[in-house]
Amino acid sequence: MSISTTLRRIMLVGAVAATAALALSGCGAITTDAGDSKAGFQLADYIQKRVDEKKPLRIKLSYHDPSLAFATPISAGMKKAGEEMDADVQLIGPTGGDAAKQVSELQTLIQQQSVDGLAVSSASSDALKPVIQQAYNAGIPIISFNTDNAGSKQMGFVGQDLKGSGKSEAEQLVKTLGATTTGKVVVFSLDTGAGWSHDRFDGFKEGIASASGLEVVGPVNVGNEPSAAYNTVESTMSGQSGVVAIAGLDCCSTTAAAKWVADSGNTGKITTVGFDLLPQTATYVKDGVVSFTISQNPEKQGYEAVKVLVDYLKKGTKISGVDTGAQFIDKANIADATVEG
């Protein structure tokens, strides 16, 4: 290797944001992300070639279960970003939240070099960490969205602070009940084994700790099939006494719990709170069955996930996290809220 070639490669490493200079390197673009463990990411040659040739970038969002209603606004945001940024976008993932199928689908994309940027919402954080590393090692920019994969090789996270949102839910619940209220709070989740559920429940436990008279029961797994979820809520509640509140950790456990509260004549007797704003949830808020729900802006999650990856590839913009926030929705502001789904 000549001295001039060596100097040029050294300059390329230093000029992280200079995409024109990066295009001169036969080894692909090199950048440094937040966190020392991700320093020296090397973009795959085939992706750099597509960027240089100004071809539409192939961005895939792998959602842990596209059959969920929550996936609808995510897809809408993703498509909006794709149209604005001339990107070929697609929402993929395993129906039913099968982690093994999600891993297999991602491995196929990596092996076939059929993707230029990946955003992953994992069915299981532990199961997805190895394939996230595979994508990273293969030179594919990869981020997480909706569910964080902390400790993996993800280059950023787009979504709500899950632990923080769980804590906020509990703190608001305590305010709604009153700090001196005593009794049980039953917590439901559509997938208690998922990383997002663990994070949100950990936050919930922290937030509820300020009310010494409240006893947390759960989380109880309900699954994502509506009738089965309802039956689980019904059977769980039949075995409990002294319940003053129910908390859902997600869209589907919230609607299942709210339906049971309404059907059993417990509206106004058992305070019910949850997450997301599906059409059914919005109705329950209006009817006073649900005291409040927390929106995590799924359309923004889909939009920002695409934008972060496209900006990185086209402009050399450093990948960083995007907090899509947490908005409390109750009777007072439901008229102005955006329904998710």
Protein backbone atom coordinates (compact mmCIF):
# COMPACT_ATOMS: atom_id res chain seq x y z
CA MET A 1 0.00 0.00 0.00
CA SER A 2 1.37 3.43 -0.95
CA ILE A 3 1.91 6.23 1.59
CA SER A 4 -0.69 8.39 -0.15
CA THR A 5 -3.28 5.61 0.08
CA THR A 6 -2.56 5.12 3.76
CA LEU A 7 -2.94 8.83 4.47
CA ARG A 8 -6.19 8.96 2.59
CA ARG A 9 -7.65 6.11 4.66
CA ILE A 10 -6.58 7.77 7.89
CA MET A 11 -8.31 10.96 6.77
CA LEU A 12 -11.47 9.01 5.99
CA VAL A 13 -11.66 7.62 9.51
CA GLY A 14 -11.35 11.12 10.93
CA ALA A 15 -13.93 12.68 8.65
CA VAL A 16 -16.92 10.79 10.01
CA ALA A 17 -19.58 13.16 8.77
CA ALA A 18 -18.03 13.86 5.39
CA THR A 19 -20.01 11.52 3.18
CA ALA A 20 -18.27 12.63 0.02
CA ALA A 21 -14.94 11.55 1.43
CA LEU A 22 -16.42 8.30 2.68
CA ALA A 23 -17.51 7.43 -0.82
CA LEU A 24 -13.86 7.31 -1.89
CA SER A 25 -13.05 4.45 0.48
CA GLY A 26 -13.29 0.92 -0.89
CA CYS A 27 -13.93 -0.37 2.66
CA GLY A 28 -17.26 1.37 3.17
CA ALA A 29 -18.25 4.20 5.46
CA ILE A 30 -16.89 4.25 8.99
CA THR A 31 -18.60 6.09 11.79
CA THR A 32 -18.62 6.28 15.55
CA ASP A 33 -21.85 5.98 17.50
CA ALA A 34 -22.77 6.92 21.03
CA GLY A 35 -21.05 4.45 23.33
CA ASP A 36 -17.50 3.14 23.03
CA SER A 37 -18.72 -0.40 22.32
CA LYS A 38 -20.07 0.80 18.96
CA ALA A 39 -17.03 2.75 17.83
CA GLY A 40 -15.79 1.90 14.36
CA PHE A 41 -19.01 0.70 12.71
CA GLN A 42 -18.26 -0.11 9.09
CA LEU A 43 -21.04 0.27 6.56
CA ALA A 44 -21.42 -2.65 4.15
CA ASP A 45 -20.01 -2.03 0.68
CA TYR A 46 -23.28 -2.97 -1.04
CA ILE A 47 -25.15 -0.38 1.02
CA GLN A 48 -22.56 2.32 0.36
CA LYS A 49 -22.86 1.54 -3.35
CA ARG A 50 -26.63 2.01 -3.25
CA VAL A 51 -26.20 5.29 -1.39
CA ASP A 52 -23.64 6.53 -3.92
CA GLU A 53 -25.91 5.55 -6.81
CA LYS A 54 -28.83 7.37 -5.10
CA LYS A 55 -31.04 4.32 -5.20
CA PRO A 56 -34.11 4.25 -2.92
CA LEU A 57 -32.94 2.91 0.42
CA ARG A 58 -34.54 -0.33 1.59
CA ILE A 59 -35.61 0.26 5.17
CA LYS A 60 -37.32 -2.53 7.10
CA LEU A 61 -39.12 -2.12 10.41
CA SER A 62 -39.35 -5.47 12.17
CA TYR A 63 -42.25 -5.25 14.64
CA HIS A 64 -42.69 -8.00 17.22
CA ASP A 65 -46.29 -8.66 16.15
CA PRO A 66 -47.74 -6.83 13.11
CA SER A 67 -51.17 -8.32 13.82
CA LEU A 68 -51.59 -6.01 16.83
CA ALA A 69 -53.71 -2.91 16.31
CA PHE A 70 -50.78 -0.82 17.55
CA ALA A 71 -48.91 -1.74 14.36
CA THR A 72 -51.38 0.21 12.21
CA PRO A 73 -50.26 3.73 13.21
CA ILE A 74 -46.61 2.59 13.24
CA SER A 75 -47.03 1.50 9.63
CA ALA A 76 -48.73 4.80 8.75
CA GLY A 77 -45.82 6.80 10.14
CA MET A 78 -43.32 4.56 8.38
CA LYS A 79 -45.07 4.97 5.02
CA LYS A 80 -45.27 8.74 5.43
CA ALA A 81 -41.52 8.90 6.03
CA GLY A 82 -40.83 6.61 3.09
CA GLU A 83 -42.81 8.86 0.74
CA GLU A 84 -41.13 12.03 1.99
CA MET A 85 -37.62 10.58 1.90
CA ASP A 86 -37.86 8.42 -1.23
CA ALA A 87 -37.21 5.23 0.72
CA ASP A 88 -38.53 1.73 0.07
CA VAL A 89 -40.08 0.93 3.47
CA GLN A 90 -41.76 -2.19 4.79
CA LEU A 91 -43.18 -3.36 8.11
CA ILE A 92 -42.30 -7.00 8.75
CA GLY A 93 -42.42 -9.37 11.70
CA PRO A 94 -43.96 -12.58 13.06
CA THR A 95 -47.70 -12.79 13.65
CA GLY A 96 -48.24 -13.81 17.24
CA GLY A 97 -44.96 -12.46 18.58
CA ASP A 98 -42.76 -15.51 17.89
CA ALA A 99 -39.16 -14.52 18.72
CA ALA A 100 -37.63 -17.45 16.82
CA LYS A 101 -39.51 -16.49 13.65
CA GLN A 102 -38.47 -12.86 14.03
CA VAL A 103 -34.82 -13.88 14.37
CA SER A 104 -35.07 -16.16 11.32
CA GLU A 105 -36.65 -13.44 9.20
CA LEU A 106 -33.93 -10.96 10.14
CA GLN A 107 -31.15 -13.48 9.50
CA THR A 108 -32.53 -14.05 5.98
CA LEU A 109 -32.46 -10.31 5.26
CA ILE A 110 -28.87 -10.08 6.50
CA GLN A 111 -27.68 -13.10 4.52
CA GLN A 112 -29.39 -12.00 1.31
CA GLN A 113 -28.16 -8.39 1.66
CA SER A 114 -31.72 -7.28 0.93
CA VAL A 115 -31.89 -4.43 3.43
CA ASP A 116 -30.02 -1.14 3.82
CA GLY A 117 -31.25 -0.20 7.30
CA LEU A 118 -33.08 -2.03 10.07
CA ALA A 119 -35.28 -0.97 12.96
CA VAL A 120 -36.30 -3.71 15.38
CA SER A 121 -39.04 -3.97 18.00
CA SER A 122 -38.16 -7.25 19.65
CA ALA A 123 -40.43 -10.10 20.68
CA SER A 124 -37.69 -11.01 23.17
CA SER A 125 -34.72 -8.79 24.01
CA ASP A 126 -32.49 -11.75 24.87
CA ALA A 127 -33.37 -13.63 21.69
CA LEU A 128 -32.84 -10.58 19.47
CA LYS A 129 -29.48 -9.40 20.85
CA PRO A 130 -27.41 -11.92 18.80
CA VAL A 131 -29.15 -11.11 15.52
CA ILE A 132 -28.82 -7.37 16.20
CA GLN A 133 -25.09 -7.98 16.55
CA GLN A 134 -25.10 -10.00 13.32
CA ALA A 135 -26.65 -7.07 11.47
CA TYR A 136 -24.20 -4.63 13.04
CA ASN A 137 -21.22 -6.84 12.17
CA ALA A 138 -22.55 -7.18 8.62
CA GLY A 139 -22.43 -3.39 8.23
CA ILE A 140 -26.19 -2.81 8.36
CA PRO A 141 -27.24 0.26 10.39
CA ILE A 142 -29.59 -1.09 13.05
CA ILE A 143 -31.67 0.64 15.68
CA SER A 144 -34.46 -0.43 18.02
CA PHE A 145 -37.88 1.20 18.07
CA ASN A 146 -40.91 0.82 20.33
CA THR A 147 -39.04 -1.70 22.53
CA ASP A 148 -35.51 -0.91 23.66
CA ASN A 149 -32.73 -3.51 23.41
CA ALA A 150 -30.35 -2.03 25.94
CA GLY A 151 -27.01 -3.82 26.08
CA SER A 152 -27.21 -4.89 22.42
CA LYS A 153 -25.37 -3.51 19.40
CA GLN A 154 -28.28 -1.26 18.51
CA MET A 155 -27.08 2.14 17.35
CA GLY A 156 -30.01 4.05 18.84
CA PHE A 157 -33.56 3.73 20.18
CA VAL A 158 -36.72 5.42 18.93
CA GLY A 159 -39.67 5.23 21.28
CA GLN A 160 -41.02 5.85 24.71
CA ASP A 161 -38.94 5.54 27.86
CA LEU A 162 -40.57 2.28 28.92
CA LYS A 163 -39.49 2.21 32.55
CA GLY A 164 -40.23 5.92 32.89
CA SER A 165 -43.70 5.49 31.40
CA GLY A 166 -44.50 2.63 33.78
CA LYS A 167 -43.42 4.77 36.70
CA SER A 168 -45.54 7.67 35.44
CA GLU A 169 -48.57 5.41 35.10
CA ALA A 170 -48.24 4.28 38.73
CA GLU A 171 -47.63 7.78 40.07
CA GLN A 172 -50.67 9.13 38.26
CA LEU A 173 -52.72 6.21 39.51
CA VAL A 174 -51.72 7.00 43.10
CA LYS A 175 -52.82 10.61 42.56
CA THR A 176 -56.12 9.42 41.12
CA LEU A 177 -56.79 7.03 44.00
CA GLY A 178 -55.41 9.24 46.74
CA ALA A 179 -52.22 8.52 48.68
CA THR A 180 -54.08 7.03 51.64
CA THR A 181 -56.07 4.47 49.63
CA THR A 182 -55.54 0.84 50.60
CA GLY A 183 -56.19 -2.28 48.57
CA LYS A 184 -54.93 -4.34 45.67
CA VAL A 185 -53.79 -3.13 42.24
CA VAL A 186 -53.96 -5.93 39.66
CA VAL A 187 -51.55 -5.50 36.74
CA PHE A 188 -52.07 -7.17 33.35
CA SER A 189 -49.73 -7.53 30.37
CA LEU A 190 -50.20 -9.13 26.98
CA ASP A 191 -46.69 -10.64 27.20
CA THR A 192 -45.07 -10.75 30.63
CA GLY A 193 -41.98 -12.38 29.15
CA ALA A 194 -41.17 -9.49 26.81
CA GLY A 195 -38.43 -7.01 27.62
CA TRP A 196 -40.75 -4.03 27.21
CA SER A 197 -43.15 -5.57 29.74
CA HIS A 198 -40.36 -6.11 32.27
CA ASP A 199 -39.19 -2.52 31.86
CA ARG A 200 -42.64 -1.01 32.16
CA PHE A 201 -43.54 -3.17 35.19
CA ASP A 202 -40.25 -2.32 36.92
CA GLY A 203 -41.12 1.34 36.52
CA PHE A 204 -44.65 0.71 37.73
CA LYS A 205 -43.38 -0.91 40.93
CA GLU A 206 -41.14 2.08 41.58
CA GLY A 207 -43.98 4.51 41.06
CA ILE A 208 -46.45 2.64 43.27
CA ALA A 209 -43.97 2.43 46.15
CA SER A 210 -45.00 5.90 47.35
CA ALA A 211 -48.38 4.49 48.39
CA SER A 212 -47.70 2.04 51.23
CA GLY A 213 -51.32 0.91 51.38
CA LEU A 214 -51.39 -0.51 47.87
CA GLU A 215 -50.51 -4.14 47.13
CA VAL A 216 -49.48 -5.01 43.56
CA VAL A 217 -50.78 -8.30 42.15
CA GLY A 218 -49.17 -9.57 38.94
CA PRO A 219 -48.28 -8.90 36.26
CA VAL A 220 -50.74 -11.43 34.87
CA ASN A 221 -50.16 -12.59 31.29
CA VAL A 222 -53.26 -12.31 29.08
CA GLY A 223 -51.86 -12.85 25.56
CA ASN A 224 -53.02 -10.86 22.54
CA GLU A 225 -56.13 -12.79 21.48
CA PRO A 226 -59.06 -10.64 22.67
CA SER A 227 -61.45 -13.33 23.92
CA ALA A 228 -58.69 -15.27 25.65
CA ALA A 229 -57.37 -12.06 27.22
CA TYR A 230 -60.84 -11.21 28.51
CA ASN A 231 -61.26 -14.70 29.97
CA THR A 232 -57.92 -14.41 31.76
CA VAL A 233 -58.91 -11.07 33.26
CA GLU A 234 -62.27 -12.49 34.32
CA SER A 235 -60.77 -15.58 35.96
CA THR A 236 -58.06 -13.53 37.67
CA MET A 237 -60.53 -11.04 39.11
CA SER A 238 -62.85 -13.78 40.34
CA GLY A 239 -60.07 -14.95 42.64
CA GLN A 240 -59.31 -11.51 44.09
CA SER A 241 -60.88 -9.39 46.78
CA GLY A 242 -60.18 -5.87 47.90
CA VAL A 243 -59.17 -4.70 44.42
CA VAL A 244 -59.22 -0.91 44.08
CA ALA A 245 -57.49 -0.58 40.70
CA ILE A 246 -56.47 -2.38 37.52
CA ALA A 247 -53.50 -1.33 35.41
CA GLY A 248 -52.78 -2.51 31.87
CA LEU A 249 -49.21 -2.31 30.62
CA ASP A 250 -50.15 -2.19 26.94
CA CYS A 251 -52.95 -1.70 24.46
CA CYS A 252 -54.56 -5.12 24.56
CA SER A 253 -54.49 -5.89 28.28
CA THR A 254 -55.99 -2.44 28.85
CA THR A 255 -58.97 -3.07 26.56
CA ALA A 256 -59.51 -6.58 27.98
CA ALA A 257 -59.50 -5.25 31.54
CA ALA A 258 -61.76 -2.32 30.66
CA LYS A 259 -64.28 -4.62 28.99
CA TRP A 260 -64.42 -6.76 32.13
CA VAL A 261 -64.87 -3.68 34.35
CA ALA A 262 -67.76 -2.47 32.18
CA ASP A 263 -69.40 -5.89 31.84
CA SER A 264 -69.13 -6.68 35.56
CA GLY A 265 -70.67 -3.41 36.68
CA ASN A 266 -67.46 -2.14 38.27
CA THR A 267 -67.27 1.18 36.41
CA GLY A 268 -66.57 3.82 39.03
CA LYS A 269 -65.81 1.16 41.63
CA ILE A 270 -62.47 -0.13 40.31
CA THR A 271 -60.15 2.53 38.88
CA THR A 272 -58.79 1.31 35.55
CA VAL A 273 -55.75 2.76 33.78
CA GLY A 274 -53.57 1.64 30.90
CA PHE A 275 -51.61 2.35 27.76
CA ASP A 276 -52.24 3.35 24.17
CA LEU A 277 -55.37 4.79 22.57
CA LEU A 278 -57.06 2.18 20.47
CA PRO A 279 -60.61 3.04 19.35
CA GLN A 280 -62.04 0.79 22.08
CA THR A 281 -59.87 2.46 24.71
CA ALA A 282 -60.99 5.90 23.58
CA THR A 283 -64.60 4.81 24.05
CA TYR A 284 -63.86 3.47 27.52
CA VAL A 285 -62.22 6.79 28.46
CA LYS A 286 -65.25 8.74 27.24
CA ASP A 287 -67.58 6.42 29.16
CA GLY A 288 -65.59 6.74 32.38
CA VAL A 289 -64.56 3.07 32.44
CA VAL A 290 -60.87 4.00 32.01
CA SER A 291 -59.65 6.90 34.13
CA PHE A 292 -56.64 7.58 31.92
CA THR A 293 -54.43 5.97 29.32
CA ILE A 294 -50.94 6.83 28.13
CA SER A 295 -50.31 7.39 24.44
CA GLN A 296 -46.80 6.68 23.16
CA ASN A 297 -47.31 8.19 19.71
CA PRO A 298 -46.81 5.07 17.54
CA GLU A 299 -47.11 6.99 14.27
CA LYS A 300 -44.15 9.13 15.32
CA GLN A 301 -42.22 5.98 16.23
CA GLY A 302 -42.66 4.61 12.72
CA TYR A 303 -41.79 7.94 11.13
CA GLU A 304 -38.73 8.67 13.24
CA ALA A 305 -37.33 5.15 12.91
CA VAL A 306 -37.18 5.59 9.13
CA LYS A 307 -35.90 9.16 9.36
CA VAL A 308 -33.04 8.28 11.71
CA LEU A 309 -31.78 5.57 9.35
CA VAL A 310 -32.25 7.56 6.13
CA ASP A 311 -30.56 10.66 7.57
CA TYR A 312 -27.62 8.54 8.70
CA LEU A 313 -27.17 6.93 5.29
CA LYS A 314 -27.84 9.96 3.09
CA LYS A 315 -26.48 12.79 5.22
CA GLY A 316 -24.08 11.11 7.62
CA THR A 317 -26.18 12.33 10.55
CA LYS A 318 -25.10 10.65 13.77
CA ILE A 319 -27.64 8.15 15.03
CA SER A 320 -29.08 9.09 18.41
CA GLY A 321 -32.17 8.16 20.36
CA VAL A 322 -35.57 9.80 19.84
CA ASP A 323 -37.95 9.91 22.82
CA THR A 324 -41.47 9.94 21.40
CA GLY A 325 -42.87 10.91 24.81
CA ALA A 326 -45.81 9.95 27.00
CA GLN A 327 -49.14 11.76 26.87
CA PHE A 328 -51.84 11.21 29.48
CA ILE A 329 -55.29 10.94 27.91
CA ASP A 330 -58.43 11.31 30.03
CA LYS A 331 -61.94 12.73 29.66
CA ALA A 332 -60.61 16.29 29.69
CA ASN A 333 -58.48 15.93 26.53
CA ILE A 334 -59.83 12.85 24.75
CA ALA A 335 -61.58 15.02 22.14
CA ASP A 336 -58.23 16.38 20.98
CA ALA A 337 -56.32 13.09 21.10
CA THR A 338 -55.29 11.03 18.08
CA VAL A 339 -56.74 7.52 18.17
CA GLU A 340 -54.18 4.81 17.45
CA GLY A 341 -55.52 2.29 15.02
